[in-house]
């Protein structure tokens, strides 16, 4: 019975924090719980391979669709996508499952959420593994102020304007929008002046080797239903998040954490990631840190996933 439970993905929803949260689960129900937090524009499905590996080792893998995504609720109010709401969903999920502490893994936007879960509720996290985006403590100004220097072509700057990215995305079928983000072949998400980022990105001319057409169809089906406004609202809350997190100014991460940086991940220049990490900035702000660079172990071939 335990082997069967570990072999299949179970789907269920929980009413938590005022919304319905869809969760994919794999592995024994009594195993150590691992909370997997996806990025943009993704779903629980992004963790399918990791869920299988974790379940095979006796862990209980839990991968929710974050609010605004997939089969979870999609609030219409942009203010419902603040970091307090998103982390609140996950804390409420742990309460729903009567889990005192979990391991946390996050990538891309999921990395931001993972760091803030560690920051807000270190009592609920055993340890964290975070990919791509390091922990930046709250600064004296919102990060959007520094992004302004990158110009209107920078994707986060374009995403700030309600409806703008949605109108640009609508020129393409959903599957093409997703492929453009999933198979990035550029170092920075900055379009030339006057060009929308989705128009600047090139869809791969050949199939993505790590994503089957069936899997792409699963992603596309969900985004056709929900649209992209919910996920884009995460970006539109950046200034609000800066205001809301004032009580945590100067706070360090006290949860044991491992940060993984891949040479193939985009945005390292615009976010200053590599310089910040290698100069010791991350180590200064994460008290118990292990760092792994995948520069020497990840193939530089095109169409690799964003690790």
Foldseek 3Di string as FASTA:
>chain_A
DQVVQQQDWDWDWDCFLNWIKIKIKHAGLPFAEEEEEEAPPDALVVCVVVSSVQRVVRYIYIYIGFALFFPIHDDPDLVCQALCNRLRRVVRVCVVSVQQAHEYEAEHVRLVSVQVNLLPCVRHYQEYEYEDDFDDFQDPAFVVVLVVVLDCQAQLNQLQDPPRVLVVCVVDQQLQLVQLVFFFDDAGQGDPPPDHSSVRGDRDPDDQPVADPVRSVVRSVGCVVSPCRRVSSNSNCRRVNSVVCVVCHPAARAHAYEYEYEPPAHDCVVVVPVVCVVVCVRCVRHVHYHYYYCDPPDDPDGSDGRD
